[in-house]
Amino acid sequence: MSREDLGTQARYQKLWNKAVALVIDPFQINGKSVGFEIYRANFKTKKWYSVPFDIKGHLDVRMLPEILDFMNPIIEGKPAYLEYDE
């Protein structure tokens, strides 16, 4: 992640001590990987560290269309959200 991402994460973590960065890579979804990692930032070292997580239960297949609607623009290289000035 970029230096700008670190600055953004710093603001989030100062506002809320449980803030995390979710990094999605849909190309990593393969049955073993869920296609994302969760990170927090250490501001003294200016480094990111991975946050361990576990998914409990099963995915409700009825959620798949919504998940795909969210992920398809990312796969196509489009922004997942609009900038503030758009």
Protein backbone atom coordinates (compact mmCIF):
# COMPACT_ATOMS: atom_id res chain seq x y z
CA MET A 1 0.00 0.00 0.00
CA SER A 2 1.09 3.54 -0.65
CA ARG A 3 2.33 6.25 1.69
CA GLU A 4 -1.02 7.97 1.11
CA ASP A 5 -2.80 4.80 2.24
CA LEU A 6 -0.70 4.84 5.42
CA GLY A 7 -1.75 8.43 6.09
CA THR A 8 -5.41 7.60 5.52
CA GLN A 9 -5.15 4.57 7.80
CA ALA A 10 -3.47 6.74 10.47
CA ARG A 11 -6.50 9.03 10.52
CA TYR A 12 -8.91 6.09 10.72
CA GLN A 13 -6.97 4.37 13.51
CA LYS A 14 -6.79 7.61 15.51
CA LEU A 15 -10.55 8.07 15.19
CA TRP A 16 -11.38 4.42 15.92
CA ASN A 17 -8.89 2.04 17.51
CA LYS A 18 -10.41 -1.00 15.75
CA ALA A 19 -10.04 0.43 12.22
CA VAL A 20 -8.55 -1.94 9.64
CA ALA A 21 -7.63 -1.83 5.96
CA LEU A 22 -9.32 -4.44 3.78
CA VAL A 23 -7.30 -5.27 0.66
CA ILE A 24 -9.26 -7.19 -1.98
CA ASP A 25 -7.65 -9.18 -4.79
CA PRO A 26 -10.43 -11.06 -6.60
CA PHE A 27 -7.85 -12.94 -8.68
CA GLN A 28 -6.70 -14.72 -5.50
CA ILE A 29 -10.09 -16.38 -4.90
CA ASN A 30 -9.44 -20.05 -5.54
CA GLY A 31 -11.25 -22.13 -2.93
CA LYS A 32 -8.38 -21.82 -0.45
CA SER A 33 -8.08 -18.03 -0.42
CA VAL A 34 -11.03 -15.70 0.11
CA GLY A 35 -9.35 -13.04 -2.02
CA PHE A 36 -8.69 -10.47 0.68
CA GLU A 37 -6.39 -9.68 3.57
CA ILE A 38 -6.92 -7.44 6.58
CA TYR A 39 -4.19 -5.05 7.74
CA ARG A 40 -3.40 -2.47 10.40
CA ALA A 41 -0.60 0.05 10.34
CA ASN A 42 2.25 0.54 12.79
CA PHE A 43 2.98 4.25 12.58
CA LYS A 44 6.29 4.13 14.44
CA THR A 45 7.79 1.72 11.90
CA LYS A 46 5.60 2.97 9.01
CA LYS A 47 4.81 -0.63 8.13
CA TRP A 48 1.67 -2.66 7.62
CA TYR A 49 0.99 -5.87 9.47
CA SER A 50 -1.52 -8.56 8.65
CA VAL A 51 -4.41 -9.12 11.05
CA PRO A 52 -5.31 -12.78 11.47
CA PHE A 53 -8.97 -13.54 10.85
CA ASP A 54 -11.23 -16.54 10.60
CA ILE A 55 -14.50 -16.89 8.71
CA LYS A 56 -17.06 -18.78 10.71
CA GLY A 57 -20.02 -20.53 9.19
CA HIS A 58 -20.92 -20.85 5.54
CA LEU A 59 -21.45 -18.24 2.88
CA ASP A 60 -25.10 -17.73 2.07
CA VAL A 61 -25.18 -18.25 -1.71
CA ARG A 62 -27.99 -15.69 -1.98
CA MET A 63 -25.30 -13.06 -1.26
CA LEU A 64 -23.24 -13.97 -4.34
CA PRO A 65 -24.97 -11.57 -6.79
CA GLU A 66 -24.32 -8.64 -4.44
CA ILE A 67 -20.72 -9.71 -3.88
CA LEU A 68 -20.18 -9.96 -7.64
CA ASP A 69 -21.79 -6.54 -8.19
CA PHE A 70 -19.26 -5.12 -5.74
CA MET A 71 -16.23 -7.00 -7.08
CA ASN A 72 -16.77 -6.77 -10.85
CA PRO A 73 -15.84 -3.07 -11.10
CA ILE A 74 -12.67 -3.81 -9.12
CA ILE A 75 -11.79 -6.66 -11.47
CA GLU A 76 -12.38 -4.33 -14.43
CA GLY A 77 -10.06 -1.71 -12.91
CA LYS A 78 -12.84 0.75 -12.12
CA PRO A 79 -13.09 2.51 -8.74
CA ALA A 80 -15.27 0.77 -6.18
CA TYR A 81 -16.43 4.15 -4.92
CA LEU A 82 -16.78 7.66 -6.27
CA GLU A 83 -14.32 10.37 -5.32
CA TYR A 84 -15.64 13.18 -3.13
CA ASP A 85 -15.79 15.63 -6.02
CA GLU A 86 -17.65 13.37 -8.44
